[in-house]
Amino acid sequence: MKIENPNPIQWRFAERAEQLKASFIREILKITQQPEIISFAGGLPSPLTFPVEEMQVAYDKVLRENGKVALQYGPTDGYLPLRQWIADSLSTEGAKIVPEQVLMTSGSQQALDLLGKVLIDEGSRVLVETPSYLGALQAFSVYRPQFKSVDTDDHGLVPSSLAPVAEGARLLYALPNFQNPTGRTLSAPRRVELVETCARLGLPLIEDDPYGALSYQGDPLPKMVAMNPDGVIYMGSFSKVLTPGIRLGYVVAPLPLVRRLELAKQAADLHTSQLTQMVVHEVIKDGFLQQHIPKIRSLYGNQCQVMLDAMAQYFPAGVEWTRPEGGMFIWVTLPKHINAIALLDEAIAQKVAFVPGAPFYANDPATNTLRLSFVTVAPERIRIGIEILGKLIAAKI
């Protein structure tokens, strides 16, 4: 029976809910679903790289041979054979990672949320790069930290900039490889300096590494977790090397921390899909990634070069950009008087989209910056889109 004329509920949201903001990128992506839009906006892997047939075979095999286990609740920390594979892949001669240090998560975004939940109190100082990954800023913001920005340059984060802001900080969040949004890579000497600096300061370092396998040269730089497994928290994901639709990530942390993260995950979702974990393990366990990842590198490297060449041809003097050696992004710095958000409106009117840079800053946003992603756009459309964008910029100089 329906109640007649009920009083409308006056919803009272928690303060943390009141401060939640939509992702600027996700809002742009709603526009870019239109097929006529040339979108350099999304950080989406190319569907051309998705191993559809291999995933289908693995699903069939797992369900046929072990379906009752795959479809059951699983342990919170994750499927042990997959955790063992991750631990083995990260272990070095000098640093042994054990599966007990690995917690599987529902995408690396959940790992960020769990780390925020476990490590950040309201008002806690959190150190981030300038600029930093928007998804991390969103995840941590729920816990109301005090963000402090640390300096970066063409060689990545500047370790010497930590000391003035590190006192009392709960963590430093960094993306060392082909950073989102800038595409920059933290140089090998700075990795050593950064790990040593954080160890000296007693500062936990989060090494977020979703793009590390996507080096166009195929020569990955050393992982910081191998330099100090007791002080570095490593985050990884299968989104960029398999498919983002499976929502499978992981965090590798010292045992006292990983146990706390596991408890927080129990309260969030009990466990990540057992079926998905078993399927991914089936796909990768016999070396599939060694053959698959070079194909991704080749595709992305070629499209990156097409974009760089087009920018050199069509962008006017006074515009600067990064030249990534891997990953998915190019960072553009416009003359200071040009506002990238206003430029976006004009670009969309010309059927081109990008992401303005301001949302990637925790403090003091640079409104004359923007991020371009090249991996989902065919070469001929890259050239057309960059020519349009170049003309729009030139009109403002």
Protein backbone atom coordinates (compact mmCIF):
# COMPACT_ATOMS: atom_id res chain seq x y z
CA MET A 1 0.00 0.00 0.00
CA LYS A 2 1.38 3.39 -0.98
CA ILE A 3 1.25 6.08 1.70
CA GLU A 4 -0.65 9.15 0.59
CA ASN A 5 1.06 12.56 0.73
CA PRO A 6 4.24 11.47 2.57
CA ASN A 7 6.46 14.22 3.94
CA PRO A 8 9.54 14.60 1.75
CA ILE A 9 12.70 13.33 3.41
CA GLN A 10 15.20 16.04 4.25
CA TRP A 11 18.42 14.23 3.43
CA ARG A 12 21.29 15.03 5.79
CA PHE A 13 24.54 14.05 4.14
CA ALA A 14 27.78 13.46 5.98
CA GLU A 15 30.24 16.32 5.72
CA ARG A 16 32.58 14.14 3.64
CA ALA A 17 29.74 13.54 1.16
CA GLU A 18 29.07 17.25 0.88
CA GLN A 19 32.66 17.86 -0.27
CA LEU A 20 32.72 15.14 -2.93
CA LYS A 21 33.32 16.49 -6.42
CA ALA A 22 32.85 14.89 -9.81
CA SER A 23 36.00 13.96 -11.69
CA PHE A 24 36.68 16.67 -14.25
CA ILE A 25 37.94 13.99 -16.63
CA ARG A 26 34.83 11.82 -16.23
CA GLU A 27 32.62 14.82 -16.96
CA ILE A 28 34.58 15.53 -20.14
CA LEU A 29 34.32 11.88 -21.17
CA LYS A 30 30.54 12.22 -21.28
CA ILE A 31 31.02 14.70 -24.11
CA THR A 32 33.66 12.65 -25.90
CA GLN A 33 31.36 9.65 -26.29
CA GLN A 34 30.16 11.38 -29.45
CA PRO A 35 31.94 9.62 -32.34
CA GLU A 36 32.68 12.84 -34.21
CA ILE A 37 34.79 14.16 -31.31
CA ILE A 38 38.55 13.68 -31.62
CA SER A 39 39.26 12.98 -27.98
CA PHE A 40 42.69 13.42 -26.46
CA ALA A 41 40.98 13.57 -23.05
CA GLY A 42 40.62 10.09 -21.62
CA GLY A 43 43.42 8.10 -20.05
CA LEU A 44 41.86 4.99 -21.51
CA PRO A 45 43.94 2.09 -22.85
CA SER A 46 43.43 1.33 -26.52
CA PRO A 47 40.83 -1.41 -27.09
CA LEU A 48 43.13 -2.67 -29.84
CA THR A 49 45.37 -4.02 -27.06
CA PHE A 50 42.69 -6.02 -25.22
CA PRO A 51 43.42 -9.78 -25.33
CA VAL A 52 39.81 -10.76 -25.92
CA GLU A 53 40.44 -14.27 -27.21
CA GLU A 54 42.92 -15.12 -24.46
CA MET A 55 40.50 -13.86 -21.81
CA GLN A 56 37.65 -15.89 -23.30
CA VAL A 57 39.74 -19.07 -23.33
CA ALA A 58 40.80 -18.46 -19.73
CA TYR A 59 37.24 -17.85 -18.55
CA ASP A 60 36.10 -21.07 -20.20
CA LYS A 61 38.95 -23.06 -18.69
CA VAL A 62 38.56 -21.67 -15.15
CA LEU A 63 34.81 -22.21 -15.13
CA ARG A 64 35.09 -25.67 -16.64
CA GLU A 65 37.87 -26.94 -14.37
CA ASN A 66 37.35 -24.96 -11.16
CA GLY A 67 34.05 -23.15 -11.50
CA LYS A 68 32.69 -23.84 -8.02
CA VAL A 69 35.77 -22.28 -6.44
CA ALA A 70 35.87 -19.38 -8.89
CA LEU A 71 32.23 -18.47 -8.24
CA GLN A 72 32.51 -18.67 -4.45
CA TYR A 73 33.51 -16.01 -1.93
CA GLY A 74 37.27 -15.68 -1.79
CA PRO A 75 39.86 -14.59 0.78
CA THR A 76 40.15 -10.86 1.38
CA ASP A 77 43.83 -10.73 0.53
CA GLY A 78 43.25 -12.42 -2.82
CA TYR A 79 43.91 -15.54 -4.86
CA LEU A 80 47.20 -16.99 -3.60
CA PRO A 81 48.69 -18.14 -6.93
CA LEU A 82 48.19 -14.65 -8.38
CA ARG A 83 49.66 -13.01 -5.28
CA GLN A 84 52.64 -15.36 -5.56
CA TRP A 85 53.09 -14.38 -9.22
CA ILE A 86 53.09 -10.69 -8.29
CA ALA A 87 55.53 -11.25 -5.43
CA ASP A 88 57.89 -13.18 -7.69
CA SER A 89 57.70 -10.52 -10.41
CA LEU A 90 58.71 -7.79 -7.94
CA SER A 91 61.40 -9.72 -6.07
CA THR A 92 65.04 -9.01 -6.78
CA GLU A 93 68.25 -10.60 -5.60
CA GLY A 94 68.50 -8.05 -2.83
CA ALA A 95 64.82 -7.68 -1.95
CA LYS A 96 62.48 -10.65 -1.56
CA ILE A 97 58.76 -9.90 -1.73
CA VAL A 98 56.46 -12.56 -0.26
CA PRO A 99 52.79 -13.11 -1.18
CA GLU A 100 51.73 -12.15 2.34
CA GLN A 101 52.75 -8.58 1.44
CA VAL A 102 50.36 -8.50 -1.55
CA LEU A 103 46.72 -7.40 -1.25
CA MET A 104 44.52 -7.67 -4.33
CA THR A 105 42.16 -4.74 -4.88
CA SER A 106 39.25 -3.83 -7.14
CA GLY A 107 41.39 -1.63 -9.36
CA SER A 108 44.26 0.48 -8.10
CA GLN A 109 41.73 3.20 -7.29
CA GLN A 110 40.52 1.05 -4.40
CA ALA A 111 44.11 0.74 -3.21
CA LEU A 112 44.31 4.54 -3.04
CA ASP A 113 41.10 4.69 -1.05
CA LEU A 114 42.26 2.00 1.38
CA LEU A 115 45.61 3.73 1.89
CA GLY A 116 43.82 6.98 2.58
CA LYS A 117 41.48 5.28 5.02
CA VAL A 118 44.31 3.62 6.94
CA LEU A 119 46.98 6.37 6.86
CA ILE A 120 45.19 9.73 6.76
CA ASP A 121 43.35 11.57 9.53
CA GLU A 122 41.61 14.88 9.05
CA GLY A 123 44.29 17.54 8.76
CA SER A 124 47.10 15.05 8.13
CA ARG A 125 49.86 16.34 5.92
CA VAL A 126 50.09 14.47 2.60
CA LEU A 127 52.82 15.20 0.07
CA VAL A 128 52.07 15.04 -3.66
CA GLU A 129 53.86 15.94 -6.87
CA THR A 130 53.20 19.15 -8.80
CA PRO A 131 51.03 18.26 -10.69
CA SER A 132 49.73 14.88 -9.48
CA TYR A 133 47.29 12.15 -10.50
CA LEU A 134 43.75 13.50 -10.19
CA GLY A 135 42.34 10.15 -9.04
CA ALA A 136 44.71 10.08 -6.08
CA LEU A 137 43.82 13.64 -5.10
CA GLN A 138 40.14 12.66 -5.19
CA ALA A 139 40.66 9.45 -3.20
CA PHE A 140 42.71 11.13 -0.49
CA SER A 141 40.51 14.24 -0.32
CA VAL A 142 37.68 12.23 1.23
CA TYR A 143 39.81 11.95 4.38
CA ARG A 144 40.43 15.71 4.51
CA PRO A 145 44.20 15.90 4.45
CA GLN A 146 46.35 18.98 4.17
CA PHE A 147 48.02 18.59 0.79
CA LYS A 148 51.55 19.90 0.40
CA SER A 149 52.97 20.05 -3.10
CA VAL A 150 56.58 19.08 -3.82
CA ASP A 151 58.54 20.35 -6.77
CA THR A 152 58.97 18.53 -10.07
CA ASP A 153 60.94 19.24 -13.23
CA ASP A 154 61.72 17.42 -16.48
CA HIS A 155 63.45 14.64 -14.51
CA GLY A 156 60.49 14.07 -12.20
CA LEU A 157 60.05 14.77 -8.52
CA VAL A 158 62.81 16.83 -6.89
CA PRO A 159 63.86 14.95 -3.71
CA SER A 160 65.54 18.01 -2.19
CA SER A 161 62.14 19.74 -2.05
CA LEU A 162 60.83 17.25 0.53
CA ALA A 163 62.59 18.38 3.70
CA PRO A 164 60.86 21.78 4.08
CA VAL A 165 57.38 20.18 3.99
CA ALA A 166 57.95 16.65 5.33
CA GLU A 167 57.61 17.26 9.06
CA GLY A 168 54.64 15.26 10.36
CA ALA A 169 53.64 14.10 6.89
CA ARG A 170 51.82 10.76 6.70
CA LEU A 171 52.97 9.84 3.19
CA LEU A 172 54.43 10.93 -0.11
CA TYR A 173 52.50 9.86 -3.20
CA ALA A 174 54.48 9.60 -6.44
CA LEU A 175 54.19 8.12 -9.94
CA PRO A 176 57.77 7.56 -11.09
CA ASN A 177 57.12 6.10 -14.55
CA PHE A 178 55.55 8.14 -17.37
CA GLN A 179 53.57 10.08 -14.83
CA ASN A 180 49.91 10.90 -15.19
CA PRO A 181 49.44 13.71 -16.20
CA THR A 182 52.89 14.87 -17.40
CA GLY A 183 54.41 11.75 -18.97
CA ARG A 184 57.65 12.49 -17.08
CA THR A 185 59.89 9.77 -15.67
CA LEU A 186 61.80 9.97 -12.40
CA SER A 187 65.46 9.51 -13.28
CA ALA A 188 67.44 6.58 -11.84
CA PRO A 189 69.71 8.75 -9.63
CA ARG A 190 66.68 10.57 -8.24
CA ARG A 191 64.99 7.27 -7.38
CA VAL A 192 67.90 6.39 -5.14
CA GLU A 193 67.97 9.89 -3.66
CA LEU A 194 64.21 9.86 -3.08
CA VAL A 195 64.21 6.50 -1.29
CA GLU A 196 67.16 7.56 0.85
CA THR A 197 65.51 10.90 1.65
CA CYS A 198 62.21 9.29 2.64
CA ALA A 199 64.03 6.72 4.79
CA ARG A 200 65.98 9.45 6.55
CA LEU A 201 62.79 11.45 7.16
CA GLY A 202 60.77 8.39 8.25
CA LEU A 203 58.31 9.19 5.47
CA PRO A 204 56.27 6.38 3.85
CA LEU A 205 56.58 6.50 0.06
CA ILE A 206 53.76 5.30 -2.21
CA GLU A 207 55.16 4.17 -5.57
CA ASP A 208 52.17 4.07 -7.93
CA ASP A 209 53.25 2.25 -11.08
CA PRO A 210 50.40 1.60 -13.54
CA TYR A 211 52.47 2.58 -16.60
CA GLY A 212 55.91 1.14 -15.79
CA ALA A 213 55.65 -1.71 -18.30
CA LEU A 214 54.85 0.70 -21.14
CA SER A 215 58.36 1.95 -21.87
CA TYR A 216 58.84 2.50 -25.60
CA GLN A 217 62.47 1.43 -25.26
CA GLY A 218 61.49 -1.64 -23.24
CA ASP A 219 64.12 -0.96 -20.57
CA PRO A 220 62.34 -0.32 -17.25
CA LEU A 221 64.05 1.73 -14.56
CA PRO A 222 64.53 0.12 -11.14
CA LYS A 223 61.53 -0.04 -8.83
CA MET A 224 61.87 1.88 -5.59
CA VAL A 225 60.16 -0.88 -3.58
CA ALA A 226 63.22 -3.05 -4.26
CA MET A 227 65.45 -0.39 -2.69
CA ASN A 228 63.55 -0.27 0.60
CA PRO A 229 60.71 -2.82 0.98
CA ASP A 230 60.15 -1.67 4.57
CA GLY A 231 59.46 1.94 3.61
CA VAL A 232 57.97 1.85 0.12
CA ILE A 233 54.36 0.93 -0.69
CA TYR A 234 54.03 -0.32 -4.25
CA MET A 235 50.83 -0.10 -6.28
CA GLY A 236 50.23 -1.99 -9.53
CA SER A 237 47.39 -2.70 -11.91
CA PHE A 238 46.39 -5.02 -14.74
CA SER A 239 44.34 -2.25 -16.38
CA LYS A 240 47.07 -0.98 -18.71
CA VAL A 241 48.61 -4.35 -19.67
CA LEU A 242 45.42 -6.44 -19.99
CA THR A 243 42.14 -4.54 -19.73
CA PRO A 244 40.65 -1.98 -17.33
CA GLY A 245 37.24 -3.67 -17.41
CA ILE A 246 38.41 -6.43 -15.08
CA ARG A 247 39.07 -3.84 -12.32
CA LEU A 248 42.05 -5.67 -10.85
CA GLY A 249 44.87 -3.96 -9.01
CA TYR A 250 47.12 -4.67 -6.07
CA VAL A 251 49.14 -3.07 -3.33
CA VAL A 252 52.40 -4.41 -1.92
CA ALA A 253 53.26 -3.15 1.54
CA PRO A 254 55.15 -4.03 4.72
CA LEU A 255 53.25 -6.65 6.72
CA PRO A 256 52.00 -4.34 9.54
CA LEU A 257 50.45 -2.02 6.97
CA VAL A 258 49.07 -4.70 4.64
CA ARG A 259 47.18 -6.28 7.56
CA ARG A 260 45.49 -2.93 8.27
CA LEU A 261 44.66 -2.53 4.60
CA GLU A 262 43.13 -6.01 4.59
CA LEU A 263 40.87 -5.12 7.51
CA ALA A 264 39.78 -1.94 5.73
CA LYS A 265 39.05 -3.94 2.58
CA GLN A 266 36.95 -6.43 4.55
CA ALA A 267 34.74 -3.52 5.58
CA ALA A 268 34.58 -2.22 2.00
CA ASP A 269 33.85 -5.22 -0.23
CA LEU A 270 34.95 -8.43 1.56
CA HIS A 271 37.13 -9.45 -1.40
CA THR A 272 37.89 -8.75 -5.04
CA SER A 273 36.26 -11.07 -7.58
CA GLN A 274 37.74 -14.54 -7.19
CA LEU A 275 36.70 -15.43 -10.74
CA THR A 276 38.53 -12.42 -12.19
CA GLN A 277 41.70 -13.16 -10.25
CA MET A 278 41.74 -16.80 -11.33
CA VAL A 279 41.18 -15.83 -14.96
CA VAL A 280 43.96 -13.25 -14.93
CA HIS A 281 46.33 -15.75 -13.37
CA GLU A 282 45.41 -18.29 -16.04
CA VAL A 283 46.19 -15.74 -18.77
CA ILE A 284 49.55 -14.53 -17.44
CA LYS A 285 51.04 -17.51 -15.60
CA ASP A 286 52.92 -18.96 -18.59
CA GLY A 287 54.54 -15.75 -19.85
CA PHE A 288 51.78 -14.20 -21.95
CA LEU A 289 52.71 -10.65 -20.93
CA GLN A 290 56.23 -11.05 -22.30
CA GLN A 291 54.71 -11.38 -25.77
CA HIS A 292 51.76 -9.04 -25.27
CA ILE A 293 53.31 -5.94 -23.70
CA PRO A 294 55.78 -5.27 -26.58
CA LYS A 295 52.78 -4.97 -28.91
CA ILE A 296 51.27 -2.31 -26.64
CA ARG A 297 54.58 -0.46 -26.47
CA SER A 298 54.88 -0.45 -30.25
CA LEU A 299 51.35 0.85 -30.80
CA TYR A 300 51.59 3.59 -28.16
CA GLY A 301 55.12 4.57 -29.15
CA ASN A 302 54.10 5.06 -32.78
CA GLN A 303 51.05 7.12 -31.87
CA CYS A 304 53.05 9.21 -29.41
CA GLN A 305 55.54 10.04 -32.15
CA VAL A 306 52.73 10.98 -34.54
CA MET A 307 51.39 13.42 -31.95
CA LEU A 308 54.84 14.87 -31.18
CA ASP A 309 55.52 15.38 -34.88
CA ALA A 310 52.13 17.06 -35.38
CA MET A 311 52.70 19.34 -32.40
CA ALA A 312 56.08 20.37 -33.78
CA GLN A 313 54.38 21.21 -37.08
CA TYR A 314 51.20 22.93 -35.90
CA PHE A 315 51.76 24.38 -32.42
CA PRO A 316 52.97 28.00 -32.40
CA ALA A 317 56.11 29.31 -30.75
CA GLY A 318 55.73 29.84 -27.02
CA VAL A 319 54.05 26.48 -26.39
CA GLU A 320 56.08 23.81 -24.56
CA TRP A 321 55.43 20.09 -24.10
CA THR A 322 56.95 16.96 -22.62
CA ARG A 323 58.41 14.16 -24.72
CA PRO A 324 57.53 10.96 -22.88
CA GLU A 325 59.54 7.77 -23.28
CA GLY A 326 56.54 5.61 -22.43
CA GLY A 327 53.02 5.66 -21.07
CA MET A 328 50.00 7.47 -22.44
CA PHE A 329 50.30 11.24 -21.91
CA ILE A 330 51.88 14.46 -23.14
CA TRP A 331 51.78 17.58 -20.95
CA VAL A 332 51.44 20.97 -22.61
CA THR A 333 52.31 24.36 -21.14
CA LEU A 334 50.77 27.33 -22.91
CA PRO A 335 51.75 30.99 -22.60
CA LYS A 336 50.61 32.17 -19.18
CA HIS A 337 47.79 34.37 -20.46
CA ILE A 338 45.95 31.44 -22.08
CA ASN A 339 43.38 29.69 -19.91
CA ALA A 340 43.11 26.01 -20.89
CA ILE A 341 39.56 25.67 -19.55
CA ALA A 342 38.36 28.48 -21.84
CA LEU A 343 40.36 26.90 -24.67
CA LEU A 344 38.57 23.60 -24.07
CA ASP A 345 35.18 25.17 -24.80
CA GLU A 346 36.47 26.42 -28.14
CA ALA A 347 38.11 23.10 -28.93
CA ILE A 348 34.93 21.12 -28.23
CA ALA A 349 33.07 23.43 -30.58
CA GLN A 350 35.63 22.33 -33.20
CA LYS A 351 35.10 18.64 -32.24
CA VAL A 352 38.40 18.24 -30.30
CA ALA A 353 38.73 17.47 -26.59
CA PHE A 354 41.55 17.44 -24.04
CA VAL A 355 41.88 17.73 -20.27
CA PRO A 356 42.81 21.13 -18.76
CA GLY A 357 45.72 20.85 -16.35
CA ALA A 358 44.35 22.81 -13.38
CA PRO A 359 42.50 19.88 -11.71
CA PHE A 360 45.78 17.95 -11.41
CA TYR A 361 47.20 20.46 -8.92
CA ALA A 362 46.62 20.04 -5.20
CA ASN A 363 47.61 23.69 -4.69
CA ASP A 364 48.09 26.75 -6.88
CA PRO A 365 46.78 25.33 -10.17
CA ALA A 366 48.50 26.35 -13.39
CA THR A 367 45.58 27.30 -15.63
CA ASN A 368 47.79 27.46 -18.73
CA THR A 369 48.43 23.70 -18.82
CA LEU A 370 46.67 20.74 -20.41
CA ARG A 371 47.02 16.97 -20.84
CA LEU A 372 46.83 15.11 -24.13
CA SER A 373 46.38 11.35 -24.48
CA PHE A 374 47.20 9.74 -27.82
CA VAL A 375 46.59 6.01 -27.33
CA THR A 376 42.97 5.70 -28.45
CA VAL A 377 43.15 8.00 -31.49
CA ALA A 378 44.15 6.81 -34.95
CA PRO A 379 47.21 8.58 -36.44
CA GLU A 380 45.29 10.48 -39.13
CA ARG A 381 42.83 11.80 -36.53
CA ILE A 382 45.72 12.73 -34.22
CA ARG A 383 47.13 14.98 -36.95
CA ILE A 384 43.74 16.55 -37.69
CA GLY A 385 43.01 17.19 -34.01
CA ILE A 386 46.42 18.69 -33.28
CA GLU A 387 46.15 20.98 -36.31
CA ILE A 388 42.79 22.27 -35.04
CA LEU A 389 44.15 22.74 -31.54
CA GLY A 390 47.25 24.50 -32.86
CA LYS A 391 45.14 27.01 -34.78
CA LEU A 392 43.02 27.74 -31.71
CA ILE A 393 46.15 28.35 -29.61
CA ALA A 394 47.78 30.48 -32.28
CA ALA A 395 44.72 32.73 -32.36
CA LYS A 396 45.33 33.59 -28.71
CA ILE A 397 49.03 34.42 -28.97
